[in-house]
Amino acid sequence: MIDLLKLQVFVQVAESLSFSEAAKVLNRAQPTVSHHIKMLEVDFGVELFDRSGSKLLLTDGGRVLLPRARKLLRRSGELSAMMGSLKDNIVGELRIACSTTSGKYILPQLAARFRHRFPGISVRILSCTPPHVLMRLIEGEANLGVLSHETVQTGLDIQEFFEDSISLIVPKNHKWENVPFITPDDLINEPLIIREPSSGTRKVMLGQFAKYDIVLDDLNIFLELGNAEAIVESVAAGYGVAFVSRLATACPLQMGNVIEVPVSGFKLKRDIYMVRKLIDEPNQHPQEVFWSFVHDPSNNDLLKMARFPEIADENKKA
């Protein structure tokens, strides 16, 4: 079993590249720090530091371990905060800015479960466009944000939320209703209903077309809409075909209003991320608890819904 204290010592030594400096920060004797590092090297069977020169350096093994050790220590702290909150009966407000269609399906149920476990924390989900998620987070209007793309902005921490699947849907009785699949070229002249330029679904769609040297100008764009549900309704009414998150199509597919058609060679998946500020602020505890709660094993069924929307239907029937 990995000793978290040894990992903490390792991270401090790796950041300062000095046993004596690490000992001062950790308020421990230098021989104790050196001993912890030696024991960690014995545990892993590799040297973590190159001690041969005048300056302490990380070995390849040390460089591999450092980011993973930081992540493990961070997760350990989050778990401690979450479990501590169970006895602290914490109260507060949590505001989550969300820009993704799939997030709007997952978040309400996740928030409801969170409220059952932590009734003293009120939760508000703020719907906004992708460019405004980070703005609301940075300006303090939101504690957490949900995005369909990674961000490397300084001062922000990011974690994977869930994986979303995207489908090509067509109206019932469409010429593709009974075909096993179509090719990207088949879509060039078909009336296509698409999302707005900032949409993550649109970016995934265009990224897949680009693999076949097909650009937006090559496509027959019939409508551009900023709402997934409106797109599904327009497809069901027979106005065109569209790429939409499977979460938005689960019910219409079940009712037979639209039909899902595979596109040969397309990998229509995207990662959804949750982001927060790293700066310590007052009343940050609710944010920390929700950040850890997201990946509580009891929520695995919700996080799988985006890949397998039929799970949602099964849950409703249960």
C-alpha atoms as a PDB file:
ATOM      1  CA  MET A   1       0.000   0.000   0.000  1.00  0.00           C
ATOM      2  CA  ILE A   2       1.288   3.472  -0.895  1.00  0.00           C
ATOM      3  CA  ASP A   3       2.224   5.612   2.106  1.00  0.00           C
ATOM      4  CA  LEU A   4       0.778   9.099   1.590  1.00  0.00           C
ATOM      5  CA  LEU A   5       3.268  10.631   4.033  1.00  0.00           C
ATOM      6  CA  LYS A   6       6.161   9.351   1.925  1.00  0.00           C
ATOM      7  CA  LEU A   7       4.497  10.768  -1.187  1.00  0.00           C
ATOM      8  CA  GLN A   8       4.075  14.136   0.530  1.00  0.00           C
ATOM      9  CA  VAL A   9       7.771  14.149   1.424  1.00  0.00           C
ATOM     10  CA  PHE A  10       8.690  13.124  -2.141  1.00  0.00           C
ATOM     11  CA  VAL A  11       6.649  15.950  -3.683  1.00  0.00           C
ATOM     12  CA  GLN A  12       8.224  18.517  -1.388  1.00  0.00           C
ATOM     13  CA  VAL A  13      11.765  17.300  -2.149  1.00  0.00           C
ATOM     14  CA  ALA A  14      10.972  17.169  -5.893  1.00  0.00           C
ATOM     15  CA  GLU A  15       9.690  20.753  -5.870  1.00  0.00           C
ATOM     16  CA  SER A  16      12.628  22.182  -3.921  1.00  0.00           C
ATOM     17  CA  LEU A  17      15.301  19.709  -5.176  1.00  0.00           C
ATOM     18  CA  SER A  18      16.782  19.897  -1.714  1.00  0.00           C
ATOM     19  CA  PHE A  19      16.455  17.562   1.256  1.00  0.00           C
ATOM     20  CA  SER A  20      17.276  20.363   3.698  1.00  0.00           C
ATOM     21  CA  GLU A  21      14.729  22.800   2.210  1.00  0.00           C
ATOM     22  CA  ALA A  22      12.065  20.108   2.197  1.00  0.00           C
ATOM     23  CA  ALA A  23      12.856  19.293   5.831  1.00  0.00           C
ATOM     24  CA  LYS A  24      12.323  22.957   6.801  1.00  0.00           C
ATOM     25  CA  VAL A  25       8.979  23.182   4.995  1.00  0.00           C
ATOM     26  CA  LEU A  26       7.768  19.890   6.464  1.00  0.00           C
ATOM     27  CA  ASN A  27       9.168  20.724   9.915  1.00  0.00           C
ATOM     28  CA  ARG A  28      11.047  17.436  10.045  1.00  0.00           C
ATOM     29  CA  ALA A  29      14.661  16.441  10.546  1.00  0.00           C
ATOM     30  CA  GLN A  30      16.656  16.071   7.329  1.00  0.00           C
ATOM     31  CA  PRO A  31      17.638  12.429   8.085  1.00  0.00           C
ATOM     32  CA  THR A  32      13.911  11.641   8.451  1.00  0.00           C
ATOM     33  CA  VAL A  33      13.181  13.177   5.051  1.00  0.00           C
ATOM     34  CA  SER A  34      16.063  11.245   3.467  1.00  0.00           C
ATOM     35  CA  HIS A  35      14.820   8.037   5.090  1.00  0.00           C
ATOM     36  CA  HIS A  36      11.283   8.505   3.724  1.00  0.00           C
ATOM     37  CA  ILE A  37      12.660   8.977   0.215  1.00  0.00           C
ATOM     38  CA  LYS A  38      14.897   5.921   0.515  1.00  0.00           C
ATOM     39  CA  MET A  39      11.965   3.791   1.727  1.00  0.00           C
ATOM     40  CA  LEU A  40       9.801   5.050  -1.149  1.00  0.00           C
ATOM     41  CA  GLU A  41      12.537   4.070  -3.612  1.00  0.00           C
ATOM     42  CA  VAL A  42      12.666   0.622  -2.015  1.00  0.00           C
ATOM     43  CA  ASP A  43       8.854   0.325  -2.248  1.00  0.00           C
ATOM     44  CA  PHE A  44       8.851   1.168  -5.977  1.00  0.00           C
ATOM     45  CA  GLY A  45      12.131  -0.539  -6.828  1.00  0.00           C
ATOM     46  CA  VAL A  46      13.483   2.521  -8.691  1.00  0.00           C
ATOM     47  CA  GLU A  47      15.621   5.517  -7.805  1.00  0.00           C
ATOM     48  CA  LEU A  48      13.656   8.748  -7.732  1.00  0.00           C
ATOM     49  CA  PHE A  49      16.554  11.202  -7.441  1.00  0.00           C
ATOM     50  CA  ASP A  50      20.008  11.430  -9.002  1.00  0.00           C
ATOM     51  CA  ARG A  51      22.357  12.243  -6.128  1.00  0.00           C
ATOM     52  CA  SER A  52      25.618  11.910  -8.101  1.00  0.00           C
ATOM     53  CA  GLY A  53      26.123  15.580  -8.977  1.00  0.00           C
ATOM     54  CA  SER A  54      26.375  18.770  -6.972  1.00  0.00           C
ATOM     55  CA  LYS A  55      22.637  19.336  -7.397  1.00  0.00           C
ATOM     56  CA  LEU A  56      19.796  16.947  -6.655  1.00  0.00           C
ATOM     57  CA  LEU A  57      17.926  15.956  -9.818  1.00  0.00           C
ATOM     58  CA  LEU A  58      14.818  13.905 -10.588  1.00  0.00           C
ATOM     59  CA  THR A  59      15.384  10.625 -12.405  1.00  0.00           C
ATOM     60  CA  ASP A  60      13.036   9.397 -15.132  1.00  0.00           C
ATOM     61  CA  GLY A  61      11.195   7.457 -12.450  1.00  0.00           C
ATOM     62  CA  GLY A  62      10.868  10.580 -10.325  1.00  0.00           C
ATOM     63  CA  ARG A  63       9.488  12.610 -13.223  1.00  0.00           C
ATOM     64  CA  VAL A  64       6.904   9.912 -13.913  1.00  0.00           C
ATOM     65  CA  LEU A  65       5.867   9.761 -10.254  1.00  0.00           C
ATOM     66  CA  LEU A  66       5.641  13.505  -9.519  1.00  0.00           C
ATOM     67  CA  PRO A  67       2.376  14.432 -11.315  1.00  0.00           C
ATOM     68  CA  ARG A  68       0.728  11.209 -10.165  1.00  0.00           C
ATOM     69  CA  ALA A  69       1.798  11.786  -6.582  1.00  0.00           C
ATOM     70  CA  ARG A  70       0.387  15.311  -6.683  1.00  0.00           C
ATOM     71  CA  LYS A  71      -2.901  13.997  -8.058  1.00  0.00           C
ATOM     72  CA  LEU A  72      -3.132  11.256  -5.436  1.00  0.00           C
ATOM     73  CA  LEU A  73      -2.437  13.687  -2.600  1.00  0.00           C
ATOM     74  CA  ARG A  74      -5.024  16.114  -3.981  1.00  0.00           C
ATOM     75  CA  ARG A  75      -7.625  13.349  -4.242  1.00  0.00           C
ATOM     76  CA  SER A  76      -6.793  12.228  -0.710  1.00  0.00           C
ATOM     77  CA  GLY A  77      -7.388  15.762   0.552  1.00  0.00           C
ATOM     78  CA  GLU A  78     -10.670  15.980  -1.333  1.00  0.00           C
ATOM     79  CA  LEU A  79     -11.806  12.660   0.144  1.00  0.00           C
ATOM     80  CA  SER A  80     -10.922  13.817   3.656  1.00  0.00           C
ATOM     81  CA  ALA A  81     -12.880  17.032   3.107  1.00  0.00           C
ATOM     82  CA  MET A  82     -15.874  15.122   1.799  1.00  0.00           C
ATOM     83  CA  MET A  83     -15.923  12.605   4.653  1.00  0.00           C
ATOM     84  CA  GLY A  84     -15.362  15.368   7.185  1.00  0.00           C
ATOM     85  CA  SER A  85     -18.382  17.199   5.862  1.00  0.00           C
ATOM     86  CA  LEU A  86     -20.571  14.229   6.783  1.00  0.00           C
ATOM     87  CA  LYS A  87     -20.025  14.980  10.450  1.00  0.00           C
ATOM     88  CA  ASP A  88     -19.728  18.761  10.107  1.00  0.00           C
ATOM     89  CA  ASN A  89     -23.245  19.212   8.676  1.00  0.00           C
ATOM     90  CA  ILE A  90     -21.905  21.872   6.310  1.00  0.00           C
ATOM     91  CA  VAL A  91     -24.073  24.600   4.875  1.00  0.00           C
ATOM     92  CA  GLY A  92     -23.601  27.002   1.985  1.00  0.00           C
ATOM     93  CA  GLU A  93     -24.431  27.734  -1.624  1.00  0.00           C
ATOM     94  CA  LEU A  94     -23.015  26.117  -4.767  1.00  0.00           C
ATOM     95  CA  ARG A  95     -23.354  27.730  -8.213  1.00  0.00           C
ATOM     96  CA  ILE A  96     -22.406  25.700 -11.289  1.00  0.00           C
ATOM     97  CA  ALA A  97     -22.115  27.321 -14.731  1.00  0.00           C
ATOM     98  CA  CYS A  98     -22.896  24.837 -17.509  1.00  0.00           C
ATOM     99  CA  SER A  99     -22.604  25.322 -21.266  1.00  0.00           C
ATOM    100  CA  THR A 100     -23.125  21.812 -22.608  1.00  0.00           C
ATOM    101  CA  THR A 101     -26.333  20.043 -23.583  1.00  0.00           C
ATOM    102  CA  SER A 102     -25.151  16.749 -22.108  1.00  0.00           C
ATOM    103  CA  GLY A 103     -24.173  18.507 -18.879  1.00  0.00           C
ATOM    104  CA  LYS A 104     -27.683  19.894 -18.577  1.00  0.00           C
ATOM    105  CA  TYR A 105     -29.001  16.326 -18.591  1.00  0.00           C
ATOM    106  CA  ILE A 106     -26.501  14.945 -16.083  1.00  0.00           C
ATOM    107  CA  LEU A 107     -26.102  17.886 -13.685  1.00  0.00           C
ATOM    108  CA  PRO A 108     -29.698  18.190 -12.401  1.00  0.00           C
ATOM    109  CA  GLN A 109     -29.788  14.550 -11.285  1.00  0.00           C
ATOM    110  CA  LEU A 110     -26.295  14.789  -9.806  1.00  0.00           C
ATOM    111  CA  ALA A 111     -27.290  17.973  -7.955  1.00  0.00           C
ATOM    112  CA  ALA A 112     -30.435  16.288  -6.631  1.00  0.00           C
ATOM    113  CA  ARG A 113     -28.406  13.393  -5.240  1.00  0.00           C
ATOM    114  CA  PHE A 114     -25.930  15.851  -3.748  1.00  0.00           C
ATOM    115  CA  ARG A 115     -28.753  17.754  -2.023  1.00  0.00           C
ATOM    116  CA  HIS A 116     -30.073  14.528  -0.515  1.00  0.00           C
ATOM    117  CA  ARG A 117     -26.684  13.784   0.979  1.00  0.00           C
ATOM    118  CA  PHE A 118     -25.866  17.382   1.956  1.00  0.00           C
ATOM    119  CA  PRO A 119     -29.227  19.106   2.595  1.00  0.00           C
ATOM    120  CA  GLY A 120     -27.521  22.174   4.053  1.00  0.00           C
ATOM    121  CA  ILE A 121     -26.005  23.116   0.676  1.00  0.00           C
ATOM    122  CA  SER A 122     -28.237  24.830  -1.874  1.00  0.00           C
ATOM    123  CA  VAL A 123     -27.361  24.277  -5.548  1.00  0.00           C
ATOM    124  CA  ARG A 124     -27.994  26.532  -8.560  1.00  0.00           C
ATOM    125  CA  ILE A 125     -27.182  25.474 -12.128  1.00  0.00           C
ATOM    126  CA  LEU A 126     -26.487  28.497 -14.344  1.00  0.00           C
ATOM    127  CA  SER A 127     -27.059  27.925 -18.060  1.00  0.00           C
ATOM    128  CA  CYS A 128     -24.766  29.968 -20.284  1.00  0.00           C
ATOM    129  CA  THR A 129     -22.753  29.902 -23.503  1.00  0.00           C
ATOM    130  CA  PRO A 130     -19.255  28.314 -23.526  1.00  0.00           C
ATOM    131  CA  PRO A 131     -17.347  31.646 -23.571  1.00  0.00           C
ATOM    132  CA  HIS A 132     -19.213  32.792 -20.460  1.00  0.00           C
ATOM    133  CA  VAL A 133     -18.490  29.742 -18.280  1.00  0.00           C
ATOM    134  CA  LEU A 134     -14.920  30.773 -17.472  1.00  0.00           C
ATOM    135  CA  MET A 135     -15.958  34.411 -17.152  1.00  0.00           C
ATOM    136  CA  ARG A 136     -18.575  33.546 -14.530  1.00  0.00           C
ATOM    137  CA  LEU A 137     -16.067  31.341 -12.726  1.00  0.00           C
ATOM    138  CA  ILE A 138     -13.262  33.918 -12.690  1.00  0.00           C
ATOM    139  CA  GLU A 139     -15.591  36.743 -11.655  1.00  0.00           C
ATOM    140  CA  GLY A 140     -16.994  34.691  -8.793  1.00  0.00           C
ATOM    141  CA  GLU A 141     -20.527  34.297 -10.135  1.00  0.00           C
ATOM    142  CA  ALA A 142     -20.006  30.517 -10.244  1.00  0.00           C
ATOM    143  CA  ASN A 143     -18.042  28.140  -8.022  1.00  0.00           C
ATOM    144  CA  LEU A 144     -17.692  25.440 -10.690  1.00  0.00           C
ATOM    145  CA  GLY A 145     -17.968  25.300 -14.464  1.00  0.00           C
ATOM    146  CA  VAL A 146     -18.807  22.535 -16.931  1.00  0.00           C
ATOM    147  CA  LEU A 147     -17.136  22.705 -20.365  1.00  0.00           C
ATOM    148  CA  SER A 148     -16.881  20.549 -23.476  1.00  0.00           C
ATOM    149  CA  HIS A 149     -13.167  21.321 -23.909  1.00  0.00           C
ATOM    150  CA  GLU A 150     -10.026  21.427 -21.787  1.00  0.00           C
ATOM    151  CA  THR A 151      -8.605  24.710 -20.571  1.00  0.00           C
ATOM    152  CA  VAL A 152      -5.024  25.463 -19.541  1.00  0.00           C
ATOM    153  CA  GLN A 153      -5.765  28.888 -18.090  1.00  0.00           C
ATOM    154  CA  THR A 154      -3.567  29.800 -15.120  1.00  0.00           C
ATOM    155  CA  GLY A 155      -5.235  29.535 -11.732  1.00  0.00           C
ATOM    156  CA  LEU A 156      -7.789  26.921 -12.763  1.00  0.00           C
ATOM    157  CA  ASP A 157      -8.024  23.243 -11.882  1.00  0.00           C
ATOM    158  CA  ILE A 158      -9.763  20.823 -14.252  1.00  0.00           C
ATOM    159  CA  GLN A 159     -11.000  17.251 -13.984  1.00  0.00           C
ATOM    160  CA  GLU A 160     -12.744  14.904 -16.404  1.00  0.00           C
ATOM    161  CA  PHE A 161     -16.480  14.826 -15.746  1.00  0.00           C
ATOM    162  CA  PHE A 162     -17.798  12.228 -18.207  1.00  0.00           C
ATOM    163  CA  GLU A 163     -17.612  11.095 -21.827  1.00  0.00           C
ATOM    164  CA  ASP A 164     -20.417  12.176 -24.155  1.00  0.00           C
ATOM    165  CA  SER A 165     -21.495  10.367 -27.321  1.00  0.00           C
ATOM    166  CA  ILE A 166     -22.897  12.184 -30.357  1.00  0.00           C
ATOM    167  CA  SER A 167     -25.323  10.667 -32.881  1.00  0.00           C
ATOM    168  CA  LEU A 168     -26.370  11.449 -36.427  1.00  0.00           C
ATOM    169  CA  ILE A 169     -30.166  11.444 -36.406  1.00  0.00           C
ATOM    170  CA  VAL A 170     -32.577  11.476 -39.354  1.00  0.00           C
ATOM    171  CA  PRO A 171     -36.406  11.608 -39.508  1.00  0.00           C
ATOM    172  CA  LYS A 172     -38.404   8.384 -39.593  1.00  0.00           C
ATOM    173  CA  ASN A 173     -39.086   7.104 -43.097  1.00  0.00           C
ATOM    174  CA  HIS A 174     -35.845   8.724 -44.273  1.00  0.00           C
ATOM    175  CA  LYS A 175     -33.995   7.026 -47.136  1.00  0.00           C
ATOM    176  CA  TRP A 176     -31.259   5.996 -44.670  1.00  0.00           C
ATOM    177  CA  GLU A 177     -33.692   4.431 -42.209  1.00  0.00           C
ATOM    178  CA  ASN A 178     -32.690   0.835 -42.940  1.00  0.00           C
ATOM    179  CA  VAL A 179     -29.084   1.215 -44.112  1.00  0.00           C
ATOM    180  CA  PRO A 180     -26.348  -0.218 -41.851  1.00  0.00           C
ATOM    181  CA  PHE A 181     -24.232   2.945 -42.232  1.00  0.00           C
ATOM    182  CA  ILE A 182     -23.498   5.888 -44.508  1.00  0.00           C
ATOM    183  CA  THR A 183     -20.216   7.513 -45.585  1.00  0.00           C
ATOM    184  CA  PRO A 184     -19.166  11.123 -44.880  1.00  0.00           C
ATOM    185  CA  ASP A 185     -19.608  11.938 -48.587  1.00  0.00           C
ATOM    186  CA  ASP A 186     -23.276  10.923 -48.332  1.00  0.00           C
ATOM    187  CA  LEU A 187     -23.847  13.917 -46.054  1.00  0.00           C
ATOM    188  CA  ILE A 188     -22.508  16.600 -48.396  1.00  0.00           C
ATOM    189  CA  ASN A 189     -25.795  17.321 -50.168  1.00  0.00           C
ATOM    190  CA  GLU A 190     -28.134  16.392 -47.316  1.00  0.00           C
ATOM    191  CA  PRO A 191     -29.907  19.308 -45.526  1.00  0.00           C
ATOM    192  CA  LEU A 192     -27.980  19.602 -42.276  1.00  0.00           C
ATOM    193  CA  ILE A 193     -29.147  21.297 -39.080  1.00  0.00           C
ATOM    194  CA  ILE A 194     -26.192  22.354 -36.923  1.00  0.00           C
ATOM    195  CA  ARG A 195     -25.388  24.036 -33.626  1.00  0.00           C
ATOM    196  CA  GLU A 196     -23.882  27.509 -33.190  1.00  0.00           C
ATOM    197  CA  PRO A 197     -20.092  28.041 -33.749  1.00  0.00           C
ATOM    198  CA  SER A 198     -19.193  27.841 -30.029  1.00  0.00           C
ATOM    199  CA  SER A 199     -20.902  24.460 -29.585  1.00  0.00           C
ATOM    200  CA  GLY A 200     -18.748  21.479 -28.645  1.00  0.00           C
ATOM    201  CA  THR A 201     -20.967  19.185 -30.715  1.00  0.00           C
ATOM    202  CA  ARG A 202     -20.321  21.304 -33.804  1.00  0.00           C
ATOM    203  CA  LYS A 203     -16.560  21.209 -33.209  1.00  0.00           C
ATOM    204  CA  VAL A 204     -16.568  17.418 -32.920  1.00  0.00           C
ATOM    205  CA  MET A 205     -18.653  17.120 -36.094  1.00  0.00           C
ATOM    206  CA  LEU A 206     -16.380  19.405 -38.115  1.00  0.00           C
ATOM    207  CA  GLY A 207     -13.303  17.647 -36.750  1.00  0.00           C
ATOM    208  CA  GLN A 208     -14.586  14.342 -38.094  1.00  0.00           C
ATOM    209  CA  PHE A 209     -15.458  15.846 -41.486  1.00  0.00           C
ATOM    210  CA  ALA A 210     -11.971  17.372 -41.671  1.00  0.00           C
ATOM    211  CA  LYS A 211     -10.437  13.874 -41.644  1.00  0.00           C
ATOM    212  CA  TYR A 212     -12.087  13.423 -45.055  1.00  0.00           C
ATOM    213  CA  ASP A 213     -11.157  16.906 -46.354  1.00  0.00           C
ATOM    214  CA  ILE A 214     -14.749  18.105 -45.998  1.00  0.00           C
ATOM    215  CA  VAL A 215     -15.178  21.633 -44.644  1.00  0.00           C
ATOM    216  CA  LEU A 216     -18.229  23.603 -43.546  1.00  0.00           C
ATOM    217  CA  ASP A 217     -18.619  25.287 -46.952  1.00  0.00           C
ATOM    218  CA  ASP A 218     -18.922  21.863 -48.585  1.00  0.00           C
ATOM    219  CA  LEU A 219     -22.010  21.031 -46.536  1.00  0.00           C
ATOM    220  CA  ASN A 220     -25.638  21.924 -47.220  1.00  0.00           C
ATOM    221  CA  ILE A 221     -26.460  23.869 -44.041  1.00  0.00           C
ATOM    222  CA  PHE A 222     -30.233  24.211 -43.768  1.00  0.00           C
ATOM    223  CA  LEU A 223     -30.518  25.715 -40.268  1.00  0.00           C
ATOM    224  CA  GLU A 224     -28.264  26.798 -37.406  1.00  0.00           C
ATOM    225  CA  LEU A 225     -29.888  26.500 -33.969  1.00  0.00           C
ATOM    226  CA  GLY A 226     -28.553  27.105 -30.474  1.00  0.00           C
ATOM    227  CA  ASN A 227     -30.581  24.423 -28.743  1.00  0.00           C
ATOM    228  CA  ALA A 228     -30.226  20.645 -29.030  1.00  0.00           C
ATOM    229  CA  GLU A 229     -33.870  19.974 -28.261  1.00  0.00           C
ATOM    230  CA  ALA A 230     -34.974  22.376 -31.014  1.00  0.00           C
ATOM    231  CA  ILE A 231     -32.671  20.573 -33.450  1.00  0.00           C
ATOM    232  CA  VAL A 232     -34.161  17.179 -32.543  1.00  0.00           C
ATOM    233  CA  GLU A 233     -37.684  18.552 -33.070  1.00  0.00           C
ATOM    234  CA  SER A 234     -36.698  20.010 -36.448  1.00  0.00           C
ATOM    235  CA  VAL A 235     -35.231  16.672 -37.541  1.00  0.00           C
ATOM    236  CA  ALA A 236     -38.352  14.821 -36.357  1.00  0.00           C
ATOM    237  CA  ALA A 237     -40.447  17.241 -38.430  1.00  0.00           C
ATOM    238  CA  GLY A 238     -38.480  16.232 -41.522  1.00  0.00           C
ATOM    239  CA  TYR A 239     -36.468  19.396 -42.160  1.00  0.00           C
ATOM    240  CA  GLY A 240     -33.038  17.783 -42.235  1.00  0.00           C
ATOM    241  CA  VAL A 241     -30.524  15.605 -40.410  1.00  0.00           C
ATOM    242  CA  ALA A 242     -28.273  16.557 -37.472  1.00  0.00           C
ATOM    243  CA  PHE A 243     -25.509  15.582 -35.106  1.00  0.00           C
ATOM    244  CA  VAL A 244     -26.719  15.793 -31.494  1.00  0.00           C
ATOM    245  CA  SER A 245     -25.661  14.506 -28.070  1.00  0.00           C
ATOM    246  CA  ARG A 246     -27.198  11.063 -27.502  1.00  0.00           C
ATOM    247  CA  LEU A 247     -28.653  12.295 -24.215  1.00  0.00           C
ATOM    248  CA  ALA A 248     -30.884  14.691 -26.160  1.00  0.00           C
ATOM    249  CA  THR A 249     -31.997  11.963 -28.553  1.00  0.00           C
ATOM    250  CA  ALA A 250     -32.674   9.086 -26.130  1.00  0.00           C
ATOM    251  CA  CYS A 251     -36.412   9.730 -25.711  1.00  0.00           C
ATOM    252  CA  PRO A 252     -37.164  10.650 -29.382  1.00  0.00           C
ATOM    253  CA  LEU A 253     -35.251   7.542 -30.501  1.00  0.00           C
ATOM    254  CA  GLN A 254     -37.275   5.377 -28.141  1.00  0.00           C
ATOM    255  CA  MET A 255     -40.526   6.899 -29.423  1.00  0.00           C
ATOM    256  CA  GLY A 256     -39.449   6.390 -33.038  1.00  0.00           C
ATOM    257  CA  ASN A 257     -39.607  10.089 -33.946  1.00  0.00           C
ATOM    258  CA  VAL A 258     -36.021  10.027 -35.202  1.00  0.00           C
ATOM    259  CA  ILE A 259     -33.572   7.311 -36.228  1.00  0.00           C
ATOM    260  CA  GLU A 260     -29.859   7.023 -35.455  1.00  0.00           C
ATOM    261  CA  VAL A 261     -27.618   6.332 -38.462  1.00  0.00           C
ATOM    262  CA  PRO A 262     -23.922   5.324 -38.076  1.00  0.00           C
ATOM    263  CA  VAL A 263     -21.379   7.245 -40.168  1.00  0.00           C
ATOM    264  CA  SER A 264     -18.485   5.080 -41.343  1.00  0.00           C
ATOM    265  CA  GLY A 265     -15.148   6.275 -39.958  1.00  0.00           C
ATOM    266  CA  PHE A 266     -16.618   8.878 -37.586  1.00  0.00           C
ATOM    267  CA  LYS A 267     -15.679   8.740 -33.881  1.00  0.00           C
ATOM    268  CA  LEU A 268     -18.341  10.929 -32.366  1.00  0.00           C
ATOM    269  CA  LYS A 269     -17.268  11.234 -28.755  1.00  0.00           C
ATOM    270  CA  ARG A 270     -16.072  14.089 -26.611  1.00  0.00           C
ATOM    271  CA  ASP A 271     -14.927  14.552 -23.028  1.00  0.00           C
ATOM    272  CA  ILE A 272     -16.858  16.886 -20.745  1.00  0.00           C
ATOM    273  CA  TYR A 273     -14.832  18.646 -18.059  1.00  0.00           C
ATOM    274  CA  MET A 274     -15.458  20.301 -14.716  1.00  0.00           C
ATOM    275  CA  VAL A 275     -13.319  23.298 -13.769  1.00  0.00           C
ATOM    276  CA  ARG A 276     -12.764  25.358 -10.610  1.00  0.00           C
ATOM    277  CA  LYS A 277     -10.519  28.147  -9.345  1.00  0.00           C
ATOM    278  CA  LEU A 278      -7.426  27.171  -7.359  1.00  0.00           C
ATOM    279  CA  ILE A 279      -7.437  30.346  -5.267  1.00  0.00           C
ATOM    280  CA  ASP A 280      -8.645  29.869  -1.702  1.00  0.00           C
ATOM    281  CA  GLU A 281     -11.830  31.817  -1.072  1.00  0.00           C
ATOM    282  CA  PRO A 282     -14.302  32.049   1.802  1.00  0.00           C
ATOM    283  CA  ASN A 283     -16.960  29.330   1.998  1.00  0.00           C
ATOM    284  CA  GLN A 284     -15.176  27.084  -0.486  1.00  0.00           C
ATOM    285  CA  HIS A 285     -16.117  23.902   1.339  1.00  0.00           C
ATOM    286  CA  PRO A 286     -19.341  23.173  -0.651  1.00  0.00           C
ATOM    287  CA  GLN A 287     -17.331  23.411  -3.885  1.00  0.00           C
ATOM    288  CA  GLU A 288     -14.686  20.992  -2.593  1.00  0.00           C
ATOM    289  CA  VAL A 289     -17.309  18.509  -1.442  1.00  0.00           C
ATOM    290  CA  PHE A 290     -19.153  18.537  -4.792  1.00  0.00           C
ATOM    291  CA  TRP A 291     -15.846  18.255  -6.700  1.00  0.00           C
ATOM    292  CA  SER A 292     -15.197  14.949  -4.895  1.00  0.00           C
ATOM    293  CA  PHE A 293     -18.844  13.842  -4.944  1.00  0.00           C
ATOM    294  CA  VAL A 294     -18.905  13.840  -8.770  1.00  0.00           C
ATOM    295  CA  HIS A 295     -16.863  10.642  -8.966  1.00  0.00           C
ATOM    296  CA  ASP A 296     -18.346   8.904  -5.956  1.00  0.00           C
ATOM    297  CA  PRO A 297     -18.950   5.270  -7.064  1.00  0.00           C
ATOM    298  CA  SER A 298     -22.662   5.711  -6.346  1.00  0.00           C
ATOM    299  CA  ASN A 299     -22.848   8.129  -9.300  1.00  0.00           C
ATOM    300  CA  ASN A 300     -21.323   5.824 -11.917  1.00  0.00           C
ATOM    301  CA  ASP A 301     -24.751   5.147 -13.422  1.00  0.00           C
ATOM    302  CA  LEU A 302     -25.291   8.850 -14.089  1.00  0.00           C
ATOM    303  CA  LEU A 303     -21.867   9.362 -15.647  1.00  0.00           C
ATOM    304  CA  LYS A 304     -22.443   6.398 -17.973  1.00  0.00           C
ATOM    305  CA  MET A 305     -25.742   7.842 -19.209  1.00  0.00           C
ATOM    306  CA  ALA A 306     -23.984  10.015 -21.790  1.00  0.00           C
ATOM    307  CA  ARG A 307     -22.417   6.963 -23.433  1.00  0.00           C
ATOM    308  CA  PHE A 308     -25.411   4.695 -22.883  1.00  0.00           C
ATOM    309  CA  PRO A 309     -28.604   6.827 -22.719  1.00  0.00           C
ATOM    310  CA  GLU A 310     -30.713   3.687 -22.478  1.00  0.00           C
ATOM    311  CA  ILE A 311     -29.543   3.523 -18.848  1.00  0.00           C
ATOM    312  CA  ALA A 312     -31.716   6.575 -18.161  1.00  0.00           C
ATOM    313  CA  ASP A 313     -34.770   4.798 -19.537  1.00  0.00           C
ATOM    314  CA  GLU A 314     -34.038   1.734 -17.421  1.00  0.00           C
ATOM    315  CA  ASN A 315     -33.695   3.937 -14.318  1.00  0.00           C
ATOM    316  CA  LYS A 316     -37.069   5.528 -14.986  1.00  0.00           C
ATOM    317  CA  LYS A 317     -38.728   2.125 -15.316  1.00  0.00           C
ATOM    318  CA  ALA A 318     -37.092   0.748 -12.173  1.00  0.00           C
END
